[in-house]
N, C-alpha and C. Protein backbone atom coordinates (compact mmCIF):
# COMPACT_ATOMS: atom_id res chain seq x y z
N MET A 1 264.88 -123.80 21.79
CA MET A 1 263.43 -123.81 21.83
C MET A 1 262.94 -122.45 22.33
N PRO A 2 261.91 -121.89 21.70
CA PRO A 2 261.38 -120.59 22.13
C PRO A 2 260.78 -120.66 23.54
N LYS A 3 260.93 -119.59 24.27
CA LYS A 3 260.34 -119.47 25.60
C LYS A 3 258.84 -119.25 25.47
N GLY A 4 258.13 -119.47 26.56
CA GLY A 4 256.71 -119.15 26.64
C GLY A 4 256.50 -118.10 27.70
N TYR A 5 255.51 -117.26 27.51
CA TYR A 5 255.25 -116.17 28.43
C TYR A 5 253.76 -116.06 28.73
N ILE A 6 253.46 -115.76 29.97
CA ILE A 6 252.14 -115.29 30.35
C ILE A 6 252.30 -113.80 30.58
N ILE A 7 251.50 -113.02 29.87
CA ILE A 7 251.54 -111.57 30.00
C ILE A 7 250.17 -111.12 30.51
N GLY A 8 250.19 -110.35 31.58
CA GLY A 8 248.95 -109.84 32.14
C GLY A 8 248.94 -108.32 32.16
N HIS A 9 247.81 -107.76 31.79
CA HIS A 9 247.57 -106.32 31.88
C HIS A 9 246.37 -106.17 32.82
N ILE A 10 246.57 -105.49 33.94
CA ILE A 10 245.63 -105.57 35.05
C ILE A 10 245.37 -104.20 35.67
N THR A 11 244.12 -103.94 36.00
CA THR A 11 243.76 -102.79 36.83
C THR A 11 243.05 -103.33 38.05
N VAL A 12 243.65 -103.13 39.20
CA VAL A 12 243.13 -103.68 40.46
C VAL A 12 242.05 -102.74 41.01
N SER A 13 240.89 -103.31 41.35
CA SER A 13 239.81 -102.52 41.94
C SER A 13 239.71 -102.69 43.46
N ASP A 14 240.27 -103.79 43.98
CA ASP A 14 240.24 -104.06 45.42
C ASP A 14 241.65 -104.51 45.86
N PRO A 15 242.53 -103.54 46.14
CA PRO A 15 243.93 -103.87 46.44
C PRO A 15 244.11 -104.81 47.63
N GLU A 16 243.30 -104.68 48.66
CA GLU A 16 243.45 -105.55 49.83
C GLU A 16 243.17 -107.00 49.47
N ALA A 17 242.09 -107.25 48.78
CA ALA A 17 241.72 -108.62 48.40
C ALA A 17 242.68 -109.16 47.35
N TYR A 18 243.20 -108.30 46.49
CA TYR A 18 244.12 -108.72 45.42
C TYR A 18 245.43 -109.29 45.99
N LYS A 19 245.81 -108.83 47.17
CA LYS A 19 247.04 -109.32 47.82
C LYS A 19 247.01 -110.84 47.98
N GLU A 20 245.84 -111.39 48.27
CA GLU A 20 245.73 -112.85 48.41
C GLU A 20 246.05 -113.54 47.08
N TYR A 21 245.60 -112.97 45.99
CA TYR A 21 245.91 -113.54 44.67
C TYR A 21 247.41 -113.59 44.45
N ILE A 22 248.10 -112.50 44.72
CA ILE A 22 249.56 -112.46 44.54
C ILE A 22 250.26 -113.50 45.41
N GLU A 23 249.83 -113.59 46.67
CA GLU A 23 250.45 -114.57 47.58
C GLU A 23 250.24 -116.01 47.13
N ARG A 24 249.07 -116.29 46.58
CA ARG A 24 248.74 -117.67 46.23
C ARG A 24 249.14 -118.06 44.81
N ASP A 25 249.16 -117.10 43.87
CA ASP A 25 249.49 -117.48 42.49
C ASP A 25 250.98 -117.71 42.29
N THR A 26 251.80 -117.00 43.03
CA THR A 26 253.26 -117.08 42.83
C THR A 26 253.80 -118.50 42.98
N PRO A 27 253.54 -119.21 44.07
CA PRO A 27 254.10 -120.56 44.18
C PRO A 27 253.57 -121.53 43.12
N ILE A 28 252.32 -121.35 42.72
CA ILE A 28 251.76 -122.22 41.69
C ILE A 28 252.50 -122.01 40.37
N LEU A 29 252.62 -120.77 39.94
CA LEU A 29 253.28 -120.48 38.66
C LEU A 29 254.75 -120.86 38.70
N GLU A 30 255.41 -120.62 39.82
CA GLU A 30 256.81 -121.00 39.96
C GLU A 30 256.99 -122.52 39.91
N SER A 31 255.99 -123.27 40.36
CA SER A 31 256.09 -124.74 40.32
C SER A 31 256.10 -125.27 38.89
N PHE A 32 255.64 -124.47 37.94
CA PHE A 32 255.68 -124.82 36.52
C PHE A 32 256.91 -124.23 35.83
N GLY A 33 257.83 -123.69 36.64
CA GLY A 33 259.05 -123.09 36.09
C GLY A 33 258.91 -121.62 35.75
N GLY A 34 257.81 -121.00 36.17
CA GLY A 34 257.58 -119.59 35.87
C GLY A 34 258.56 -118.69 36.62
N ARG A 35 259.07 -117.69 35.91
CA ARG A 35 259.96 -116.68 36.47
C ARG A 35 259.37 -115.31 36.19
N PHE A 36 259.11 -114.55 37.24
CA PHE A 36 258.52 -113.23 37.07
C PHE A 36 259.58 -112.27 36.54
N ILE A 37 259.38 -111.79 35.32
CA ILE A 37 260.30 -110.85 34.67
C ILE A 37 259.84 -109.41 34.97
N VAL A 38 258.53 -109.20 34.92
CA VAL A 38 257.92 -107.91 35.23
C VAL A 38 256.75 -108.19 36.15
N ARG A 39 256.64 -107.43 37.22
CA ARG A 39 255.49 -107.57 38.11
C ARG A 39 255.20 -106.21 38.70
N GLY A 40 254.32 -105.48 38.03
CA GLY A 40 254.00 -104.13 38.48
C GLY A 40 255.13 -103.19 38.12
N GLY A 41 255.34 -102.20 38.92
CA GLY A 41 256.40 -101.23 38.66
C GLY A 41 255.91 -100.11 37.76
N ARG A 42 256.77 -99.17 37.58
CA ARG A 42 256.45 -97.98 36.80
C ARG A 42 256.28 -98.33 35.32
N SER A 43 255.30 -97.72 34.68
CA SER A 43 255.11 -97.92 33.25
C SER A 43 254.50 -96.66 32.64
N GLU A 44 254.66 -96.52 31.35
CA GLU A 44 254.03 -95.44 30.59
C GLU A 44 253.43 -96.06 29.34
N THR A 45 252.19 -95.73 29.07
CA THR A 45 251.54 -96.18 27.85
C THR A 45 251.79 -95.12 26.80
N MET A 46 252.57 -95.47 25.80
CA MET A 46 252.95 -94.51 24.77
C MET A 46 251.89 -94.39 23.66
N GLU A 47 251.16 -95.47 23.41
CA GLU A 47 250.09 -95.44 22.40
C GLU A 47 248.99 -96.41 22.83
N GLY A 48 247.77 -96.07 22.54
CA GLY A 48 246.65 -96.96 22.80
C GLY A 48 246.19 -96.94 24.25
N ASP A 49 245.24 -97.83 24.55
CA ASP A 49 244.68 -97.95 25.88
C ASP A 49 245.46 -98.99 26.68
N SER A 50 245.43 -98.86 27.99
CA SER A 50 246.21 -99.77 28.81
C SER A 50 245.58 -99.92 30.19
N GLU A 51 245.91 -101.02 30.84
CA GLU A 51 245.56 -101.20 32.25
C GLU A 51 246.68 -100.56 33.09
N ASP A 52 246.52 -100.58 34.40
CA ASP A 52 247.46 -99.91 35.31
C ASP A 52 248.71 -100.73 35.64
N ARG A 53 248.59 -102.05 35.58
CA ARG A 53 249.64 -102.93 36.07
C ARG A 53 249.97 -103.94 34.97
N HIS A 54 251.25 -104.30 34.87
CA HIS A 54 251.69 -105.24 33.84
C HIS A 54 252.56 -106.31 34.47
N VAL A 55 252.36 -107.55 34.00
CA VAL A 55 253.10 -108.69 34.53
C VAL A 55 253.57 -109.53 33.35
N VAL A 56 254.84 -109.94 33.39
CA VAL A 56 255.39 -110.86 32.39
C VAL A 56 256.05 -112.01 33.15
N ILE A 57 255.59 -113.23 32.86
CA ILE A 57 256.13 -114.43 33.50
C ILE A 57 256.72 -115.30 32.41
N GLU A 58 257.99 -115.64 32.54
CA GLU A 58 258.69 -116.44 31.53
C GLU A 58 258.68 -117.91 31.93
N PHE A 59 258.46 -118.78 30.95
CA PHE A 59 258.50 -120.24 31.13
C PHE A 59 259.47 -120.83 30.12
N ASP A 60 259.88 -122.06 30.34
CA ASP A 60 260.83 -122.71 29.44
C ASP A 60 260.29 -122.81 28.01
N ASP A 61 258.98 -122.98 27.88
CA ASP A 61 258.38 -123.05 26.54
C ASP A 61 256.89 -122.70 26.64
N PHE A 62 256.25 -122.56 25.49
CA PHE A 62 254.85 -122.17 25.42
C PHE A 62 253.96 -123.18 26.13
N ASP A 63 254.24 -124.47 25.95
CA ASP A 63 253.40 -125.50 26.58
C ASP A 63 253.44 -125.42 28.09
N ALA A 64 254.59 -125.09 28.68
CA ALA A 64 254.69 -124.94 30.13
C ALA A 64 253.84 -123.77 30.60
N ALA A 65 253.86 -122.67 29.86
CA ALA A 65 253.02 -121.51 30.21
C ALA A 65 251.55 -121.88 30.14
N LYS A 66 251.18 -122.63 29.11
CA LYS A 66 249.79 -123.04 28.93
C LYS A 66 249.35 -124.00 30.04
N ARG A 67 250.22 -124.94 30.40
CA ARG A 67 249.89 -125.86 31.51
C ARG A 67 249.70 -125.09 32.82
N ALA A 68 250.57 -124.12 33.06
CA ALA A 68 250.46 -123.33 34.29
C ALA A 68 249.13 -122.58 34.34
N TYR A 69 248.77 -121.94 33.23
CA TYR A 69 247.52 -121.18 33.19
C TYR A 69 246.31 -122.08 33.41
N HIS A 70 246.30 -123.24 32.79
CA HIS A 70 245.15 -124.15 32.87
C HIS A 70 245.15 -125.04 34.11
N ASP A 71 246.19 -124.97 34.92
CA ASP A 71 246.25 -125.78 36.13
C ASP A 71 245.03 -125.49 37.01
N PRO A 72 244.34 -126.53 37.49
CA PRO A 72 243.15 -126.30 38.32
C PRO A 72 243.43 -125.45 39.56
N GLY A 73 244.58 -125.64 40.18
CA GLY A 73 244.93 -124.83 41.34
C GLY A 73 245.08 -123.36 40.98
N TYR A 74 245.71 -123.09 39.84
CA TYR A 74 245.85 -121.70 39.40
C TYR A 74 244.47 -121.12 39.05
N GLN A 75 243.65 -121.89 38.36
CA GLN A 75 242.33 -121.38 37.98
C GLN A 75 241.48 -121.05 39.20
N GLU A 76 241.63 -121.82 40.26
CA GLU A 76 240.92 -121.51 41.50
C GLU A 76 241.37 -120.16 42.05
N VAL A 77 242.68 -119.94 42.08
CA VAL A 77 243.23 -118.68 42.58
C VAL A 77 242.90 -117.52 41.63
N ALA A 78 242.87 -117.80 40.34
CA ALA A 78 242.57 -116.75 39.35
C ALA A 78 241.19 -116.14 39.57
N GLU A 79 240.30 -116.87 40.20
CA GLU A 79 238.98 -116.31 40.51
C GLU A 79 239.10 -115.10 41.43
N ILE A 80 240.11 -115.09 42.29
CA ILE A 80 240.34 -113.92 43.15
C ILE A 80 240.66 -112.72 42.27
N ARG A 81 241.56 -112.91 41.29
CA ARG A 81 241.91 -111.82 40.37
C ARG A 81 240.68 -111.35 39.61
N ARG A 82 239.91 -112.29 39.13
CA ARG A 82 238.72 -111.94 38.33
C ARG A 82 237.71 -111.13 39.14
N CYS A 83 237.67 -111.35 40.46
CA CYS A 83 236.73 -110.62 41.32
C CYS A 83 237.29 -109.29 41.83
N THR A 84 238.60 -109.11 41.76
CA THR A 84 239.21 -107.92 42.36
C THR A 84 239.92 -107.02 41.35
N ALA A 85 239.84 -107.39 40.05
CA ALA A 85 240.56 -106.61 39.04
C ALA A 85 239.95 -106.85 37.66
N THR A 86 240.26 -105.93 36.77
CA THR A 86 239.99 -106.11 35.35
C THR A 86 241.29 -106.55 34.73
N SER A 87 241.27 -107.59 33.90
CA SER A 87 242.56 -108.06 33.38
C SER A 87 242.42 -108.66 31.99
N THR A 88 243.51 -108.58 31.26
CA THR A 88 243.70 -109.28 30.00
C THR A 88 244.92 -110.16 30.20
N ILE A 89 244.77 -111.46 29.94
CA ILE A 89 245.87 -112.41 30.12
C ILE A 89 246.16 -113.01 28.75
N ILE A 90 247.43 -112.99 28.36
CA ILE A 90 247.85 -113.44 27.03
C ILE A 90 248.96 -114.46 27.19
N LEU A 91 248.89 -115.55 26.45
CA LEU A 91 250.00 -116.52 26.36
C LEU A 91 250.72 -116.25 25.05
N VAL A 92 252.05 -116.15 25.12
CA VAL A 92 252.85 -115.80 23.95
C VAL A 92 254.06 -116.70 23.86
N GLU A 93 254.40 -117.11 22.65
CA GLU A 93 255.66 -117.79 22.40
C GLU A 93 256.66 -116.73 21.96
N GLY A 94 257.84 -116.75 22.56
CA GLY A 94 258.84 -115.72 22.24
C GLY A 94 260.22 -116.32 22.16
N THR A 95 261.20 -115.45 22.22
CA THR A 95 262.59 -115.91 22.14
C THR A 95 263.25 -115.82 23.49
């Protein structure tokens, strides 16, 4: 069965406040089987426009990724990200 992924492209505008998002989102996403494959780190944009930070979270399947994203607890915490960063969040089915 194909894996599911949440991919985030993020530029943080308030690093201090964003720390709370990281602390609170991790246990929620992990409770749905999420495994952080990429979380920040060095990157280079070779073509096109990009945000500063990139995150890839792997799940057992697409539906698990979708359930994690739509979880009310995660959505509550996601408001912190929305207030402290610009972001694009994508759900993808992969291999």
